[in-house]
């Protein structure tokens, strides 16, 4: 078995010089002294740990409210009571029930809720009216597939001397809200698309 060679600090590839991050760290930090450190202790405002996030997801998925098609866009710490936090800051003994807040998509519906991590129970779950959910990675794939299957899109590309839809990448963006002035149905999950040709400047 051949062992991989040691990484060179500076490499030249096809006329371009590359410097490894290890080399940069050694050069700029060799003579630096540590001036600060992170104190390892529990704090009521510490973000959720990976285990807490996993537990929150487990609780949500075990509830009757959850649907298999739901997609999470955010899971984060629910801010504890501010007065209790200040008591903790000034040395008073305060107990905190850690809780997670989350946002999920159910089709075009936006769901917000909370999970009590101490009791391992879903404490809140409600649909938010009149809002659009965050654009996430799944949406990129959906939009890309839609434009690649569109005959109108293929015709538009041919006018720009592009004969392969795989050479064009879509970037979906939210359309914004203009109180109906744009004539769009705001209850739909709509995205506008910016396009770029791979490897070449885009043509308008």
Protein backbone atom coordinates (compact mmCIF):
# COMPACT_ATOMS: atom_id res chain seq x y z
CA UNK A 1 0.00 0.00 0.00
CA UNK A 2 1.39 3.37 -1.03
CA UNK A 3 1.13 6.07 1.60
CA UNK A 4 0.07 9.54 0.39
CA UNK A 5 2.93 12.00 0.12
CA UNK A 6 3.23 14.83 2.61
CA UNK A 7 1.37 17.95 1.58
CA UNK A 8 3.65 20.61 0.08
CA UNK A 9 3.15 24.09 1.56
CA UNK A 10 3.29 25.77 -1.85
CA UNK A 11 2.26 24.15 -5.13
CA UNK A 12 2.13 25.26 -8.74
CA UNK A 13 -0.58 23.79 -10.91
CA UNK A 14 -1.07 24.84 -14.52
CA UNK A 15 0.68 28.14 -13.90
CA UNK A 16 -1.33 28.97 -10.75
CA UNK A 17 0.35 29.05 -7.32
CA UNK A 18 -1.56 27.54 -4.40
CA UNK A 19 -0.67 27.91 -0.69
CA UNK A 20 -2.08 25.50 1.89
CA UNK A 21 -4.00 26.82 4.88
CA UNK A 22 -1.56 24.96 7.16
CA UNK A 23 1.32 27.01 5.78
CA UNK A 24 -0.59 30.28 6.19
CA UNK A 25 -1.40 29.44 9.82
CA UNK A 26 2.22 28.59 10.59
CA UNK A 27 3.55 31.79 9.03
CA UNK A 28 1.09 34.21 10.60
CA UNK A 29 0.67 32.54 13.99
CA UNK A 30 4.19 31.29 14.71
CA UNK A 31 5.08 34.25 16.95
CA UNK A 32 1.61 35.03 18.27
CA UNK A 33 0.85 34.49 21.92
CA UNK A 34 -2.56 33.40 23.11
CA UNK A 35 -4.38 36.48 24.44
CA UNK A 36 -7.83 35.00 25.04
CA UNK A 37 -9.50 31.69 25.67
CA UNK A 38 -13.04 30.38 25.62
CA UNK A 39 -14.25 29.41 29.06
CA UNK A 40 -15.82 26.00 28.92
CA UNK A 41 -18.96 26.26 31.05
CA UNK A 42 -22.69 25.98 30.67
CA UNK A 43 -24.49 29.19 29.77
CA UNK A 44 -28.24 29.68 29.32
CA UNK A 45 -27.65 31.28 25.91
CA UNK A 46 -25.37 28.55 24.56
CA UNK A 47 -26.64 27.33 21.18
CA UNK A 48 -28.21 23.92 20.87
CA UNK A 49 -25.79 21.03 20.89
CA UNK A 50 -25.89 18.42 18.10
CA UNK A 51 -27.57 15.99 20.52
CA UNK A 52 -30.21 18.56 21.46
CA UNK A 53 -30.99 19.15 17.79
CA UNK A 54 -31.30 15.40 17.21
CA UNK A 55 -33.60 15.08 20.21
CA UNK A 56 -35.78 17.97 18.99
CA UNK A 57 -36.15 16.35 15.58
CA UNK A 58 -36.97 13.01 17.21
CA UNK A 59 -39.74 14.61 19.30
CA UNK A 60 -41.21 16.44 16.30
CA UNK A 61 -41.21 13.34 14.09
CA UNK A 62 -42.85 11.27 16.84
CA UNK A 63 -45.76 13.72 17.16
CA UNK A 64 -49.14 13.38 15.43
CA UNK A 65 -48.56 16.76 13.77
CA UNK A 66 -45.57 15.64 11.73
CA UNK A 67 -45.89 14.66 8.05
CA UNK A 68 -43.28 12.75 6.05
CA UNK A 69 -43.04 15.52 3.43
CA UNK A 70 -42.08 18.20 5.96
CA UNK A 71 -38.68 19.86 5.59
CA UNK A 72 -36.87 21.71 8.37
CA UNK A 73 -35.44 25.14 7.58
CA UNK A 74 -34.38 26.11 11.10
CA UNK A 75 -33.87 24.49 14.52
CA UNK A 76 -32.34 26.76 17.17
CA UNK A 77 -32.41 27.67 20.84
CA UNK A 78 -35.56 29.29 22.18
CA UNK A 79 -34.33 32.29 24.16
CA UNK A 80 -34.85 31.73 27.89
CA UNK A 81 -36.56 34.29 30.11
CA UNK A 82 -34.41 37.44 30.15
CA UNK A 83 -34.92 38.09 33.86
CA UNK A 84 -33.70 34.60 34.68
CA UNK A 85 -30.66 35.09 32.45
CA UNK A 86 -29.73 38.31 34.27
CA UNK A 87 -30.04 36.53 37.62
CA UNK A 88 -27.67 33.88 36.31
CA UNK A 89 -25.23 36.56 35.09
CA UNK A 90 -25.15 38.14 38.55
CA UNK A 91 -24.51 34.86 40.29
CA UNK A 92 -27.97 33.85 41.43
CA UNK A 93 -28.76 30.20 41.04
CA UNK A 94 -31.31 29.83 38.26
CA UNK A 95 -32.56 26.71 36.55
CA UNK A 96 -33.35 26.76 32.85
CA UNK A 97 -35.54 24.46 30.84
CA UNK A 98 -33.76 24.20 27.51
CA UNK A 99 -36.14 24.51 24.58
CA UNK A 100 -35.77 24.42 20.81
CA UNK A 101 -37.71 26.50 18.32
CA UNK A 102 -38.10 25.32 14.74
CA UNK A 103 -39.45 26.29 11.34
CA UNK A 104 -40.63 23.63 8.90
CA UNK A 105 -42.21 23.57 5.46
CA UNK A 106 -45.32 21.53 4.73
CA UNK A 107 -45.59 22.05 0.99
CA UNK A 108 -46.20 25.80 0.71
CA UNK A 109 -47.27 26.06 4.36
CA UNK A 110 -44.86 27.44 6.96
CA UNK A 111 -44.94 25.81 10.39
CA UNK A 112 -43.40 27.26 13.54
CA UNK A 113 -43.13 25.36 16.80
CA UNK A 114 -41.24 24.61 19.98
CA UNK A 115 -39.89 21.54 21.74
CA UNK A 116 -39.31 21.35 25.49
CA UNK A 117 -36.02 19.50 25.71
CA UNK A 118 -36.43 18.84 29.43
CA UNK A 119 -39.72 16.97 29.06
CA UNK A 120 -39.02 15.78 25.50
CA UNK A 121 -42.45 17.05 24.39
CA UNK A 122 -43.76 19.21 21.57
CA UNK A 123 -45.03 22.38 23.27
CA UNK A 124 -46.07 24.41 20.22
CA UNK A 125 -46.93 23.68 16.57
CA UNK A 126 -48.79 26.17 14.38
CA UNK A 127 -49.14 27.28 10.78
CA UNK A 128 -48.10 30.88 10.04
CA UNK A 129 -50.42 32.63 7.60
CA UNK A 130 -49.33 35.05 4.88
CA UNK A 131 -45.64 34.13 4.82
CA UNK A 132 -43.22 32.27 2.54
CA UNK A 133 -40.68 29.77 3.77
CA UNK A 134 -36.93 29.96 3.35
CA UNK A 135 -35.42 28.84 0.03
CA UNK A 136 -33.48 25.64 0.75
CA UNK A 137 -31.27 23.23 -1.17
CA UNK A 138 -34.20 21.03 -2.27
CA UNK A 139 -35.67 24.04 -4.07
CA UNK A 140 -32.52 24.46 -6.16
CA UNK A 141 -32.86 20.89 -7.44
CA UNK A 142 -36.60 21.31 -8.12
CA UNK A 143 -36.09 24.52 -10.09
CA UNK A 144 -33.17 23.07 -12.07
CA UNK A 145 -35.25 20.05 -13.06
CA UNK A 146 -38.21 22.24 -14.06
CA UNK A 147 -36.22 24.46 -16.41
CA UNK A 148 -34.36 21.52 -17.96
CA UNK A 149 -37.70 19.89 -18.84
CA UNK A 150 -39.19 23.09 -20.26
CA UNK A 151 -39.46 23.25 -24.07
CA UNK A 152 -39.85 27.05 -23.89
CA UNK A 153 -36.59 27.26 -21.96
CA UNK A 154 -34.78 25.11 -24.53
CA UNK A 155 -36.04 27.34 -27.33
CA UNK A 156 -34.80 30.44 -25.46
CA UNK A 157 -31.36 28.87 -25.06
CA UNK A 158 -31.10 28.04 -28.77
CA UNK A 159 -31.59 31.73 -29.56
CA UNK A 160 -28.46 32.32 -27.47
CA UNK A 161 -26.46 29.57 -29.18
CA UNK A 162 -26.75 27.15 -26.25
CA UNK A 163 -27.84 23.65 -27.25
CA UNK A 164 -27.40 21.85 -23.92
CA UNK A 165 -29.59 22.76 -20.91
CA UNK A 166 -27.06 21.04 -18.62
CA UNK A 167 -24.66 23.91 -19.32
CA UNK A 168 -26.96 26.42 -17.62
CA UNK A 169 -27.37 26.59 -13.84
CA UNK A 170 -30.38 28.16 -12.15
CA UNK A 171 -30.28 30.22 -8.96
CA UNK A 172 -33.76 30.45 -7.43
CA UNK A 173 -34.55 33.60 -5.42
CA UNK A 174 -37.63 34.79 -3.56
CA UNK A 175 -39.91 37.09 -5.55
CA UNK A 176 -40.71 39.43 -2.67
CA UNK A 177 -44.13 40.72 -1.63
CA UNK A 178 -45.76 43.76 -3.23
CA UNK A 179 -49.29 43.57 -1.78
CA UNK A 180 -50.75 42.22 -5.04
CA UNK A 181 -49.35 44.99 -7.26
CA UNK A 182 -47.35 42.43 -9.24
CA UNK A 183 -50.44 40.34 -10.01
CA UNK A 184 -48.94 37.20 -8.48
CA UNK A 185 -50.84 34.76 -6.30
CA UNK A 186 -49.06 35.23 -3.01
CA UNK A 187 -50.38 31.96 -1.59
CA UNK A 188 -48.15 30.09 -4.05
CA UNK A 189 -44.53 29.21 -3.32
CA UNK A 190 -42.97 31.27 -6.09
CA UNK A 191 -39.33 31.73 -6.99
CA UNK A 192 -37.65 33.86 -9.65
CA UNK A 193 -34.66 32.40 -11.45
CA UNK A 194 -31.29 33.88 -12.38
CA UNK A 195 -29.29 31.87 -14.91
CA UNK A 196 -25.60 31.43 -15.58
CA UNK A 197 -23.81 29.45 -18.29
CA UNK A 198 -21.14 27.16 -16.94
CA UNK A 199 -17.62 28.20 -17.86
CA UNK A 200 -18.58 31.27 -19.86
CA UNK A 201 -19.92 34.78 -19.22
CA UNK A 202 -23.71 34.77 -19.32
CA UNK A 203 -25.46 36.19 -22.38
CA UNK A 204 -28.59 38.31 -21.93
